[in-house]
C-alpha atoms as a PDB file:
ATOM      1  CA  MET A   1    -113.943  39.696   4.698  1.00  0.00           C
ATOM      2  CA  LYS A   2    -116.949  39.562   2.553  1.00  0.00           C
ATOM      3  CA  LYS A   3    -118.635  42.108   4.966  1.00  0.00           C
ATOM      4  CA  VAL A   4    -116.034  44.322   5.049  1.00  0.00           C
ATOM      5  CA  ILE A   5    -115.637  44.377   1.370  1.00  0.00           C
ATOM      6  CA  GLU A   6    -119.132  45.264   0.964  1.00  0.00           C
ATOM      7  CA  ASN A   7    -119.230  47.787   3.023  1.00  0.00           C
ATOM      8  CA  ILE A   8    -116.326  49.502   1.637  1.00  0.00           C
ATOM      9  CA  LYS A   9    -117.574  49.293  -1.715  1.00  0.00           C
ATOM     10  CA  ARG A  10    -121.065  50.706  -0.286  1.00  0.00           C
ATOM     11  CA  VAL A  11    -118.895  53.972   0.948  1.00  0.00           C
ATOM     12  CA  GLN A  12    -117.527  54.187  -2.642  1.00  0.00           C
ATOM     13  CA  GLU A  13    -120.844  54.602  -3.929  1.00  0.00           C
ATOM     14  CA  ASP A  14    -122.247  57.067  -1.644  1.00  0.00           C
ATOM     15  CA  ILE A  15    -119.348  59.568  -1.984  1.00  0.00           C
ATOM     16  CA  PRO A  16    -120.078  60.749  -5.408  1.00  0.00           C
ATOM     17  CA  ILE A  17    -123.646  61.218  -4.197  1.00  0.00           C
ATOM     18  CA  ASN A  18    -122.622  63.275  -1.149  1.00  0.00           C
ATOM     19  CA  PHE A  19    -119.673  65.558  -2.853  1.00  0.00           C
ATOM     20  CA  VAL A  20    -122.028  66.152  -5.457  1.00  0.00           C
ATOM     21  CA  PHE A  21    -124.909  67.178  -3.162  1.00  0.00           C
ATOM     22  CA  ALA A  22    -122.205  68.889  -0.765  1.00  0.00           C
ATOM     23  CA  ALA A  23    -121.152  70.999  -4.091  1.00  0.00           C
ATOM     24  CA  LYS A  24    -124.640  72.136  -5.064  1.00  0.00           C
ATOM     25  CA  ILE A  25    -125.445  73.742  -1.692  1.00  0.00           C
ATOM     26  CA  GLY A  26    -121.966  75.393  -2.230  1.00  0.00           C
ATOM     27  CA  SER A  27    -122.701  76.814  -5.403  1.00  0.00           C
ATOM     28  CA  LEU A  28    -126.280  78.252  -4.252  1.00  0.00           C
ATOM     29  CA  ALA A  29    -124.737  79.821  -1.564  1.00  0.00           C
ATOM     30  CA  LEU A  30    -122.266  81.641  -3.617  1.00  0.00           C
ATOM     31  CA  PHE A  31    -124.846  82.525  -5.706  1.00  0.00           C
ATOM     32  CA  VAL A  32    -126.813  84.424  -2.979  1.00  0.00           C
ATOM     33  CA  PHE A  33    -123.455  86.094  -1.513  1.00  0.00           C
ATOM     34  CA  LEU A  34    -122.448  87.322  -5.102  1.00  0.00           C
ATOM     35  CA  LEU A  35    -126.101  88.195  -5.829  1.00  0.00           C
ATOM     36  CA  THR A  36    -126.229  90.081  -2.485  1.00  0.00           C
ATOM     37  CA  TYR A  37    -123.251  91.673  -2.945  1.00  0.00           C
ATOM     38  CA  PHE A  38    -123.499  92.987  -6.144  1.00  0.00           C
ATOM     39  CA  SER A  39    -127.238  94.067  -5.465  1.00  0.00           C
ATOM     40  CA  PHE A  40    -125.999  95.866  -2.444  1.00  0.00           C
ATOM     41  CA  SER A  41    -122.957  97.601  -4.349  1.00  0.00           C
ATOM     42  CA  TRP A  42    -125.294  98.804  -6.945  1.00  0.00           C
ATOM     43  CA  THR A  43    -127.834 100.705  -4.614  1.00  0.00           C
ATOM     44  CA  MET A  44    -124.990 102.135  -3.025  1.00  0.00           C
ATOM     45  CA  ARG A  45    -123.613 103.418  -6.061  1.00  0.00           C
ATOM     46  CA  THR A  46    -126.877 104.429  -7.481  1.00  0.00           C
ATOM     47  CA  VAL A  47    -127.690 106.405  -4.140  1.00  0.00           C
ATOM     48  CA  VAL A  48    -124.021 108.232  -4.096  1.00  0.00           C
ATOM     49  CA  HIS A  49    -124.230 109.116  -7.667  1.00  0.00           C
ATOM     50  CA  HIS A  50    -127.448 110.324  -7.112  1.00  0.00           C
ATOM     51  CA  ARG A  51    -126.409 113.387  -5.238  1.00  0.00           C
ATOM     52  CA  LYS A  52    -124.825 116.672  -6.931  1.00  0.00           C
ATOM     53  CA  GLU A  53    -121.396 117.345  -6.784  1.00  0.00           C
ATOM     54  CA  VAL A  54    -120.373 120.507  -4.698  1.00  0.00           C
ATOM     55  CA  ILE A  55    -116.650 122.170  -4.364  1.00  0.00           C
ATOM     56  CA  VAL A  56    -115.587 121.997  -0.215  1.00  0.00           C
ATOM     57  CA  PRO A  57    -115.606 125.533   0.881  1.00  0.00           C
ATOM     58  CA  ASP A  58    -112.723 127.297   2.759  1.00  0.00           C
ATOM     59  CA  ILE A  59    -113.516 127.165   6.820  1.00  0.00           C
ATOM     60  CA  LYS A  60    -110.371 127.737   8.092  1.00  0.00           C
ATOM     61  CA  GLY A  61    -109.946 130.722  10.242  1.00  0.00           C
ATOM     62  CA  ARG A  62    -113.737 130.676  10.705  1.00  0.00           C
ATOM     63  CA  SER A  63    -115.642 130.167  13.596  1.00  0.00           C
ATOM     64  CA  SER A  64    -117.750 127.470  14.620  1.00  0.00           C
ATOM     65  CA  VAL A  65    -120.768 128.974  13.767  1.00  0.00           C
ATOM     66  CA  SER A  66    -119.674 130.796  10.550  1.00  0.00           C
ATOM     67  CA  ALA A  67    -118.285 127.265   9.486  1.00  0.00           C
ATOM     68  CA  LEU A  68    -121.214 125.080   9.731  1.00  0.00           C
ATOM     69  CA  GLN A  69    -123.482 127.748   8.031  1.00  0.00           C
ATOM     70  CA  LEU A  70    -121.190 128.253   5.363  1.00  0.00           C
ATOM     71  CA  LEU A  71    -120.979 124.069   4.929  1.00  0.00           C
ATOM     72  CA  SER A  72    -125.007 124.053   5.475  1.00  0.00           C
ATOM     73  CA  GLU A  73    -125.315 126.593   2.688  1.00  0.00           C
ATOM     74  CA  SER A  74    -122.815 123.638   0.103  1.00  0.00           C
ATOM     75  CA  ASP A  75    -125.506 120.706   1.676  1.00  0.00           C
ATOM     76  CA  LEU A  76    -122.384 119.359   3.464  1.00  0.00           C
ATOM     77  CA  ALA A  77    -121.730 118.491   7.334  1.00  0.00           C
ATOM     78  CA  MET A  78    -119.199 118.802   9.961  1.00  0.00           C
ATOM     79  CA  ARG A  79    -117.755 116.485  12.340  1.00  0.00           C
ATOM     80  CA  ILE A  80    -115.404 117.874  14.749  1.00  0.00           C
ATOM     81  CA  GLY A  81    -112.209 116.168  14.807  1.00  0.00           C
ATOM     82  CA  GLY A  82    -110.545 117.288  17.585  1.00  0.00           C
ATOM     83  CA  TYR A  83    -109.150 120.202  18.827  1.00  0.00           C
ATOM     84  CA  GLU A  84    -105.395 122.019  19.705  1.00  0.00           C
ATOM     85  CA  PHE A  85    -104.018 124.583  21.359  1.00  0.00           C
ATOM     86  CA  ASN A  86    -102.378 127.116  18.995  1.00  0.00           C
ATOM     87  CA  GLU A  87    -101.687 130.820  20.013  1.00  0.00           C
ATOM     88  CA  GLY A  88    -102.257 132.639  17.255  1.00  0.00           C
ATOM     89  CA  VAL A  89    -105.850 131.198  16.692  1.00  0.00           C
ATOM     90  CA  PRO A  90    -108.770 132.039  18.218  1.00  0.00           C
ATOM     91  CA  ILE A  91    -110.356 129.868  20.861  1.00  0.00           C
ATOM     92  CA  ALA A  92    -113.309 127.787  18.700  1.00  0.00           C
ATOM     93  CA  THR A  93    -112.032 128.966  15.056  1.00  0.00           C
ATOM     94  CA  VAL A  94    -111.321 125.923  12.175  1.00  0.00           C
ATOM     95  CA  LEU A  95    -107.422 125.040  12.245  1.00  0.00           C
ATOM     96  CA  ARG A  96    -107.798 122.535   9.742  1.00  0.00           C
ATOM     97  CA  GLN A  97    -110.531 120.440   7.684  1.00  0.00           C
ATOM     98  CA  HIS A  98    -110.175 117.722   5.738  1.00  0.00           C
ATOM     99  CA  PRO A  99    -111.280 117.124   2.783  1.00  0.00           C
ATOM    100  CA  ALA A 100    -109.584 120.291   1.837  1.00  0.00           C
ATOM    101  CA  ALA A 101    -110.736 123.337   0.236  1.00  0.00           C
ATOM    102  CA  GLY A 102    -111.765 123.303  -3.453  1.00  0.00           C
ATOM    103  CA  THR A 103    -112.165 119.352  -3.412  1.00  0.00           C
ATOM    104  CA  THR A 104    -115.386 118.208  -5.263  1.00  0.00           C
ATOM    105  CA  VAL A 105    -117.237 115.902  -2.965  1.00  0.00           C
ATOM    106  CA  ARG A 106    -120.777 114.527  -3.192  1.00  0.00           C
ATOM    107  CA  GLU A 107    -124.016 116.382  -1.234  1.00  0.00           C
ATOM    108  CA  GLY A 108    -124.269 115.279   2.211  1.00  0.00           C
ATOM    109  CA  LYS A 109    -120.113 114.850   2.924  1.00  0.00           C
ATOM    110  CA  ILE A 110    -119.173 115.086   6.260  1.00  0.00           C
ATOM    111  CA  VAL A 111    -116.022 117.203   6.355  1.00  0.00           C
ATOM    112  CA  THR A 112    -114.029 116.546   9.647  1.00  0.00           C
ATOM    113  CA  VAL A 113    -112.549 120.222  11.595  1.00  0.00           C
ATOM    114  CA  VAL A 114    -110.089 120.944  14.250  1.00  0.00           C
ATOM    115  CA  PHE A 115    -110.830 123.552  16.235  1.00  0.00           C
ATOM    116  CA  SER A 116    -108.232 125.836  18.085  1.00  0.00           C
ATOM    117  CA  GLN A 117    -108.724 125.658  22.045  1.00  0.00           C
ATOM    118  CA  GLY A 118    -107.370 129.250  21.953  1.00  0.00           C
ATOM    119  CA  GLY A 119    -104.538 131.503  22.507  1.00  0.00           C
ATOM    120  CA  GLU A 120    -104.129 135.351  22.348  1.00  0.00           C
ATOM    121  CA  SER A 121    -106.900 136.235  20.609  1.00  0.00           C
ATOM    122  CA  VAL A 122    -110.788 135.898  20.567  1.00  0.00           C
ATOM    123  CA  PHE A 123    -113.840 136.767  18.630  1.00  0.00           C
ATOM    124  CA  VAL A 124    -115.420 139.944  19.987  1.00  0.00           C
ATOM    125  CA  PRO A 125    -119.083 138.882  20.714  1.00  0.00           C
ATOM    126  CA  ASN A 126    -122.202 140.542  19.797  1.00  0.00           C
ATOM    127  CA  LEU A 127    -123.245 143.272  22.211  1.00  0.00           C
ATOM    128  CA  VAL A 128    -126.498 144.701  20.607  1.00  0.00           C
ATOM    129  CA  GLY A 129    -129.537 144.535  21.491  1.00  0.00           C
ATOM    130  CA  LEU A 130    -127.757 143.814  25.475  1.00  0.00           C
ATOM    131  CA  PRO A 131    -128.201 146.264  28.438  1.00  0.00           C
ATOM    132  CA  LEU A 132    -124.637 148.042  29.080  1.00  0.00           C
ATOM    133  CA  ARG A 133    -124.036 145.959  32.177  1.00  0.00           C
ATOM    134  CA  ASN A 134    -125.109 142.685  30.587  1.00  0.00           C
ATOM    135  CA  ALA A 135    -122.499 143.869  27.720  1.00  0.00           C
ATOM    136  CA  GLU A 136    -119.926 144.523  29.789  1.00  0.00           C
ATOM    137  CA  LEU A 137    -120.163 141.189  31.609  1.00  0.00           C
ATOM    138  CA  PHE A 138    -120.389 139.529  28.507  1.00  0.00           C
ATOM    139  CA  LEU A 139    -117.158 141.551  27.589  1.00  0.00           C
ATOM    140  CA  ARG A 140    -115.618 140.120  30.990  1.00  0.00           C
ATOM    141  CA  GLN A 141    -115.962 136.409  29.937  1.00  0.00           C
ATOM    142  CA  ARG A 142    -114.577 136.966  26.612  1.00  0.00           C
ATOM    143  CA  GLN A 143    -111.635 138.717  28.438  1.00  0.00           C
ATOM    144  CA  LEU A 144    -112.257 142.012  26.931  1.00  0.00           C
ATOM    145  CA  LEU A 145    -112.729 145.321  28.052  1.00  0.00           C
ATOM    146  CA  LEU A 146    -115.721 147.573  28.295  1.00  0.00           C
ATOM    147  CA  GLY A 147    -114.371 150.984  26.181  1.00  0.00           C
ATOM    148  CA  GLU A 148    -115.535 154.208  25.636  1.00  0.00           C
ATOM    149  CA  VAL A 149    -119.755 154.756  26.417  1.00  0.00           C
ATOM    150  CA  SER A 150    -121.698 156.885  24.255  1.00  0.00           C
ATOM    151  CA  GLU A 151    -125.216 157.662  24.197  1.00  0.00           C
ATOM    152  CA  SER A 152    -127.567 158.640  21.273  1.00  0.00           C
ATOM    153  CA  TYR A 153    -131.376 159.158  20.957  1.00  0.00           C
ATOM    154  CA  SER A 154    -133.485 156.383  19.739  1.00  0.00           C
ATOM    155  CA  LEU A 155    -137.144 155.760  19.025  1.00  0.00           C
ATOM    156  CA  LYS A 156    -136.472 152.086  18.756  1.00  0.00           C
ATOM    157  CA  ALA A 157    -134.318 150.962  21.424  1.00  0.00           C
ATOM    158  CA  ASP A 158    -134.756 151.297  25.327  1.00  0.00           C
ATOM    159  CA  LYS A 159    -132.673 153.653  27.029  1.00  0.00           C
ATOM    160  CA  GLY A 160    -129.322 151.753  27.910  1.00  0.00           C
ATOM    161  CA  THR A 161    -129.948 149.236  25.777  1.00  0.00           C
ATOM    162  CA  VAL A 162    -126.315 148.593  23.251  1.00  0.00           C
ATOM    163  CA  LEU A 163    -126.932 150.299  19.538  1.00  0.00           C
ATOM    164  CA  SER A 164    -123.941 149.773  17.772  1.00  0.00           C
ATOM    165  CA  GLN A 165    -120.062 148.528  18.550  1.00  0.00           C
ATOM    166  CA  ASP A 166    -116.585 148.996  17.636  1.00  0.00           C
ATOM    167  CA  PRO A 167    -115.226 146.530  16.907  1.00  0.00           C
ATOM    168  CA  ARG A 168    -117.918 144.993  15.121  1.00  0.00           C
ATOM    169  CA  PRO A 169    -118.977 141.281  16.329  1.00  0.00           C
ATOM    170  CA  GLU A 170    -116.807 138.392  14.978  1.00  0.00           C
ATOM    171  CA  THR A 171    -113.906 140.222  14.650  1.00  0.00           C
ATOM    172  CA  SER A 172    -110.451 138.560  15.999  1.00  0.00           C
ATOM    173  CA  VAL A 173    -108.937 141.043  18.270  1.00  0.00           C
ATOM    174  CA  GLY A 174    -106.239 140.496  21.111  1.00  0.00           C
ATOM    175  CA  LYS A 175    -107.087 139.499  25.010  1.00  0.00           C
ATOM    176  CA  SER A 176    -108.049 142.399  27.092  1.00  0.00           C
ATOM    177  CA  LYS A 177    -108.882 144.641  23.678  1.00  0.00           C
ATOM    178  CA  MET A 178    -111.588 147.769  24.640  1.00  0.00           C
ATOM    179  CA  VAL A 179    -114.793 147.534  22.876  1.00  0.00           C
ATOM    180  CA  ASN A 180    -116.653 151.119  22.562  1.00  0.00           C
ATOM    181  CA  VAL A 181    -120.092 151.008  22.295  1.00  0.00           C
ATOM    182  CA  VAL A 182    -123.329 153.549  22.176  1.00  0.00           C
ATOM    183  CA  VAL A 183    -125.953 153.383  23.986  1.00  0.00           C
ATOM    184  CA  SER A 184    -129.740 153.993  23.766  1.00  0.00           C
ATOM    185  CA  ALA A 185    -130.410 157.659  25.281  1.00  0.00           C
ATOM    186  CA  GLY A 186    -134.042 157.079  25.159  1.00  0.00           C
ATOM    187  CA  ASN A 187    -136.579 158.771  22.891  1.00  0.00           C
ATOM    188  CA  PRO A 188    -135.493 162.378  22.026  1.00  0.00           C
ATOM    189  CA  PRO A 189    -136.353 165.777  23.323  1.00  0.00           C
ATOM    190  CA  SER A 190    -138.746 168.139  21.508  1.00  0.00           C
ATOM    191  CA  GLY A 191    -136.990 169.885  18.455  1.00  0.00           C
ATOM    192  CA  ILE A 192    -134.717 166.872  17.783  1.00  0.00           C
ATOM    193  CA  ASN A 193    -136.500 164.637  14.908  1.00  0.00           C
ATOM    194  CA  LEU A 194    -134.755 160.901  14.331  1.00  0.00           C
ATOM    195  CA  MET A 195    -135.211 158.854  11.008  1.00  0.00           C
ATOM    196  CA  PRO A 196    -137.943 156.148  12.245  1.00  0.00           C
ATOM    197  CA  ASP A 197    -137.368 152.654  10.904  1.00  0.00           C
ATOM    198  CA  PHE A 198    -139.684 152.283   7.866  1.00  0.00           C
ATOM    199  CA  ARG A 199    -138.420 148.838   6.643  1.00  0.00           C
ATOM    200  CA  GLN A 200    -141.140 146.134   6.131  1.00  0.00           C
ATOM    201  CA  LYS A 201    -143.760 148.822   6.640  1.00  0.00           C
ATOM    202  CA  LYS A 202    -145.620 150.660   3.558  1.00  0.00           C
ATOM    203  CA  ALA A 203    -144.418 153.237   1.760  1.00  0.00           C
ATOM    204  CA  ASP A 204    -147.872 155.618   3.003  1.00  0.00           C
ATOM    205  CA  ASP A 205    -146.409 155.233   6.086  1.00  0.00           C
ATOM    206  CA  ALA A 206    -143.301 157.375   4.838  1.00  0.00           C
ATOM    207  CA  TYR A 207    -145.334 159.802   3.248  1.00  0.00           C
ATOM    208  CA  ALA A 208    -147.549 160.515   6.220  1.00  0.00           C
ATOM    209  CA  TRP A 209    -144.548 160.954   8.547  1.00  0.00           C
ATOM    210  CA  ALA A 210    -142.260 163.577   5.744  1.00  0.00           C
ATOM    211  CA  SER A 211    -145.853 165.372   5.368  1.00  0.00           C
ATOM    212  CA  VAL A 212    -145.911 166.135   8.846  1.00  0.00           C
ATOM    213  CA  SER A 213    -142.119 166.209   9.451  1.00  0.00           C
ATOM    214  CA  GLY A 214    -141.896 168.671   6.543  1.00  0.00           C
ATOM    215  CA  LEU A 215    -139.566 166.703   5.030  1.00  0.00           C
ATOM    216  CA  ALA A 216    -138.523 165.344   1.437  1.00  0.00           C
ATOM    217  CA  ILE A 217    -137.993 161.936   0.201  1.00  0.00           C
ATOM    218  CA  ASN A 218    -136.621 160.082  -2.650  1.00  0.00           C
ATOM    219  CA  ILE A 219    -138.194 156.345  -4.008  1.00  0.00           C
ATOM    220  CA  LEU A 220    -136.161 154.126  -5.578  1.00  0.00           C
ATOM    221  CA  GLU A 221    -137.926 150.710  -6.561  1.00  0.00           C
ATOM    222  CA  ASP A 222    -136.599 147.615  -6.821  1.00  0.00           C
ATOM    223  CA  GLU A 223    -138.197 144.874  -9.334  1.00  0.00           C
ATOM    224  CA  THR A 224    -136.474 142.106  -7.691  1.00  0.00           C
ATOM    225  CA  SER A 225    -137.721 142.349  -3.927  1.00  0.00           C
ATOM    226  CA  LEU A 226    -139.442 138.934  -2.343  1.00  0.00           C
ATOM    227  CA  PHE A 227    -142.037 141.317  -0.648  1.00  0.00           C
ATOM    228  CA  PRO A 228    -145.198 142.737  -1.712  1.00  0.00           C
ATOM    229  CA  ARG A 229    -145.629 145.607  -3.993  1.00  0.00           C
ATOM    230  CA  GLY A 230    -145.477 148.868  -1.790  1.00  0.00           C
ATOM    231  CA  THR A 231    -143.233 147.607   0.818  1.00  0.00           C
ATOM    232  CA  ILE A 232    -140.031 149.490   1.973  1.00  0.00           C
ATOM    233  CA  ILE A 233    -137.498 147.244   2.005  1.00  0.00           C
ATOM    234  CA  ASP A 234    -134.224 149.512   2.506  1.00  0.00           C
ATOM    235  CA  GLN A 235    -133.585 153.239   3.827  1.00  0.00           C
ATOM    236  CA  THR A 236    -131.030 156.152   3.791  1.00  0.00           C
ATOM    237  CA  PRO A 237    -130.149 157.265   6.528  1.00  0.00           C
ATOM    238  CA  PRO A 238    -130.525 154.368   8.977  1.00  0.00           C
ATOM    239  CA  PRO A 239    -133.151 154.444  11.658  1.00  0.00           C
ATOM    240  CA  ASP A 240    -132.436 156.589  14.551  1.00  0.00           C
ATOM    241  CA  THR A 241    -130.304 159.269  12.505  1.00  0.00           C
ATOM    242  CA  VAL A 242    -130.988 162.953  13.184  1.00  0.00           C
ATOM    243  CA  VAL A 243    -132.566 164.076  10.117  1.00  0.00           C
ATOM    244  CA  SER A 244    -133.477 167.878   8.869  1.00  0.00           C
ATOM    245  CA  GLN A 245    -134.703 169.769   6.238  1.00  0.00           C
ATOM    246  CA  GLU A 246    -131.299 169.511   4.961  1.00  0.00           C
ATOM    247  CA  SER A 247    -131.155 165.767   4.922  1.00  0.00           C
ATOM    248  CA  ARG A 248    -131.267 163.378   1.655  1.00  0.00           C
ATOM    249  CA  ILE A 249    -133.870 160.666   2.809  1.00  0.00           C
ATOM    250  CA  SER A 250    -134.326 157.790   0.359  1.00  0.00           C
ATOM    251  CA  LEU A 251    -136.736 154.463   0.486  1.00  0.00           C
ATOM    252  CA  THR A 252    -136.112 152.093  -1.687  1.00  0.00           C
ATOM    253  CA  VAL A 253    -139.681 150.275  -2.342  1.00  0.00           C
ATOM    254  CA  SER A 254    -140.610 146.738  -4.051  1.00  0.00           C
ATOM    255  CA  ALA A 255    -141.755 147.139  -7.135  1.00  0.00           C
ATOM    256  CA  ARG A 256    -142.704 143.539  -7.742  1.00  0.00           C
ATOM    257  CA  SER A 257    -144.943 142.579 -10.284  1.00  0.00           C
ATOM    258  CA  VAL A 258    -148.383 141.754  -9.436  1.00  0.00           C
ATOM    259  CA  SER A 259    -149.351 138.631 -11.010  1.00  0.00           C
ATOM    260  CA  ALA A 260    -152.858 138.087 -12.313  1.00  0.00           C
ATOM    261  CA  GLU A 261    -153.528 135.030 -10.393  1.00  0.00           C
ATOM    262  CA  PRO A 262    -152.977 134.653  -6.621  1.00  0.00           C
ATOM    263  CA  GLU A 263    -149.284 133.790  -6.019  1.00  0.00           C
ATOM    264  CA  LEU A 264    -148.735 131.551  -3.106  1.00  0.00           C
ATOM    265  CA  GLU A 265    -146.682 132.544  -0.253  1.00  0.00           C
ATOM    266  CA  TYR A 266    -144.328 131.757   2.680  1.00  0.00           C
ATOM    267  CA  HIS A 267    -145.220 132.806   5.829  1.00  0.00           C
ATOM    268  CA  VAL A 268    -141.889 133.691   8.176  1.00  0.00           C
ATOM    269  CA  ARG A 269    -143.245 133.810  11.633  1.00  0.00           C
ATOM    270  CA  TYR A 270    -140.750 134.032  14.410  1.00  0.00           C
ATOM    271  CA  ASP A 271    -141.632 134.720  18.414  1.00  0.00           C
ATOM    272  CA  ALA A 272    -138.874 136.439  20.570  1.00  0.00           C
ATOM    273  CA  PRO A 273    -138.350 134.947  23.829  1.00  0.00           C
ATOM    274  CA  GLN A 274    -140.971 136.058  26.325  1.00  0.00           C
ATOM    275  CA  SER A 275    -137.843 136.657  29.266  1.00  0.00           C
ATOM    276  CA  GLY A 276    -134.881 138.723  29.381  1.00  0.00           C
ATOM    277  CA  VAL A 277    -134.198 142.053  27.638  1.00  0.00           C
ATOM    278  CA  GLN A 278    -134.371 143.304  23.516  1.00  0.00           C
ATOM    279  CA  ARG A 279    -132.714 141.070  21.225  1.00  0.00           C
ATOM    280  CA  HIS A 280    -131.333 142.016  17.649  1.00  0.00           C
ATOM    281  CA  ILE A 281    -133.165 139.399  15.364  1.00  0.00           C
ATOM    282  CA  ARG A 282    -131.964 138.966  11.903  1.00  0.00           C
ATOM    283  CA  ILE A 283    -133.889 136.917   9.098  1.00  0.00           C
ATOM    284  CA  VAL A 284    -132.388 135.716   5.696  1.00  0.00           C
ATOM    285  CA  SER A 285    -133.508 134.227   3.174  1.00  0.00           C
ATOM    286  CA  VAL A 286    -130.986 131.264   1.388  1.00  0.00           C
ATOM    287  CA  SER A 287    -131.646 130.346  -2.447  1.00  0.00           C
ATOM    288  CA  LYS A 288    -129.391 129.613  -5.222  1.00  0.00           C
ATOM    289  CA  SER A 289    -129.352 133.014  -6.369  1.00  0.00           C
ATOM    290  CA  GLY A 290    -127.710 134.305  -2.987  1.00  0.00           C
ATOM    291  CA  ASP A 291    -128.776 135.526   0.336  1.00  0.00           C
ATOM    292  CA  LYS A 292    -131.469 137.883   1.018  1.00  0.00           C
ATOM    293  CA  GLU A 293    -132.074 139.930   4.004  1.00  0.00           C
ATOM    294  CA  VAL A 294    -135.822 140.216   5.020  1.00  0.00           C
ATOM    295  CA  PHE A 295    -135.770 141.843   8.249  1.00  0.00           C
ATOM    296  CA  ASN A 296    -132.907 143.309  10.862  1.00  0.00           C
ATOM    297  CA  GLY A 297    -133.948 144.918  14.041  1.00  0.00           C
ATOM    298  CA  LEU A 298    -134.203 145.040  17.560  1.00  0.00           C
ATOM    299  CA  ARG A 299    -137.591 143.481  19.042  1.00  0.00           C
ATOM    300  CA  ASP A 300    -138.838 143.300  22.735  1.00  0.00           C
ATOM    301  CA  PRO A 301    -139.131 140.265  24.953  1.00  0.00           C
ATOM    302  CA  GLY A 302    -142.425 138.457  23.488  1.00  0.00           C
ATOM    303  CA  SER A 303    -142.762 140.363  20.398  1.00  0.00           C
ATOM    304  CA  LYS A 304    -143.353 138.639  16.932  1.00  0.00           C
ATOM    305  CA  ILE A 305    -141.945 138.944  13.590  1.00  0.00           C
ATOM    306  CA  ASP A 306    -144.433 137.880  10.999  1.00  0.00           C
ATOM    307  CA  LEU A 307    -143.119 138.318   7.270  1.00  0.00           C
ATOM    308  CA  THR A 308    -144.383 136.568   3.814  1.00  0.00           C
ATOM    309  CA  ILE A 309    -142.250 135.926   0.862  1.00  0.00           C
ATOM    310  CA  PRO A 310    -143.301 134.561  -2.329  1.00  0.00           C
ATOM    311  CA  PHE A 311    -142.834 130.591  -2.361  1.00  0.00           C
ATOM    312  CA  GLY A 312    -140.256 129.129  -4.181  1.00  0.00           C
ATOM    313  CA  SER A 313    -138.037 132.578  -3.777  1.00  0.00           C
ATOM    314  CA  ALA A 314    -135.703 130.525  -1.102  1.00  0.00           C
ATOM    315  CA  ASP A 315    -134.526 127.549  -0.505  1.00  0.00           C
ATOM    316  CA  LYS A 316    -134.397 128.444   3.418  1.00  0.00           C
ATOM    317  CA  ILE A 317    -134.919 130.436   5.805  1.00  0.00           C
ATOM    318  CA  ARG A 318    -132.215 131.287   8.565  1.00  0.00           C
ATOM    319  CA  ILE A 319    -132.834 133.044  12.053  1.00  0.00           C
ATOM    320  CA  PHE A 320    -130.241 135.051  14.020  1.00  0.00           C
ATOM    321  CA  VAL A 321    -130.304 136.390  17.048  1.00  0.00           C
ATOM    322  CA  ASN A 322    -127.856 138.865  18.462  1.00  0.00           C
ATOM    323  CA  GLY A 323    -125.710 137.424  15.754  1.00  0.00           C
ATOM    324  CA  ILE A 324    -126.146 133.415  16.527  1.00  0.00           C
ATOM    325  CA  LEU A 325    -128.045 131.219  13.884  1.00  0.00           C
ATOM    326  CA  VAL A 326    -130.662 129.847  16.413  1.00  0.00           C
ATOM    327  CA  GLU A 327    -132.893 128.464  13.825  1.00  0.00           C
ATOM    328  CA  GLU A 328    -132.817 127.223  10.096  1.00  0.00           C
ATOM    329  CA  ARG A 329    -136.171 126.297   8.388  1.00  0.00           C
ATOM    330  CA  PRO A 330    -136.890 124.277   4.769  1.00  0.00           C
ATOM    331  CA  VAL A 331    -139.280 126.831   2.509  1.00  0.00           C
ATOM    332  CA  LYS A 332    -141.554 123.816   1.511  1.00  0.00           C
END
């Protein structure tokens, strides 16, 4: 009996010690948990709030390419939330979006979209630069029909290549709609003078052509141009237009001021695919002040485009081939 009493006393003496030890361990664990939680919470708030606030654009009714491009311009991402059949909305068109247009969010926010699986409307594809046979097959794939085919002489496109179309690309039309096209008839015969494509060329080239052709040209200057001084950035009339002595020809030439110190430049180089046919290539510079087209024209397979723009004049470069965004490069 005496031993039992001694054992009970010994246990009673140990209880406070064990309890205090367990309390200390629990307090330490709680402290570590709280420190980790608040550190993580503070870090996440810092990262999130460091990003700029932007307004979610309205992408409802836009094609997938157009919607992605518009979101990208606001530094937002896109996630496909599903597909729904809709008879009144073309296939691959945005039906709904979340967050809604006009919502203020942080850069990098993911916008969830629901696309239409089609109905009675389709988008007209871009046919410019395609041979007529390929263009007709492309239309059939979109459940559209080839309409009136007319010809026009061209200095820049091979015979049989689509030069223009009606309706324009990305236009929403009903199924079985006819699309009219103008195709190249090749180089013009003697006696017919076509306007060359002087864009991204030097003004001296235009002066030399005008002198030989006996035509007068009017020069307009653009001091805000991205191109080196003396580069032609726009023209009227457009390339392949028939011109005569009565034609009014105007060229817009870069008049960008020349810095005393060498100016850093960003080289834009694009190699057209080696195979296939001529392609319609368009290059656009994107900055906070807006988009500026720096190249627009048909190019043969394997041809190279090499341009320069002032470094810092653009945030990114977008390259479109036959109306489809194929590449986006940061300017850095």
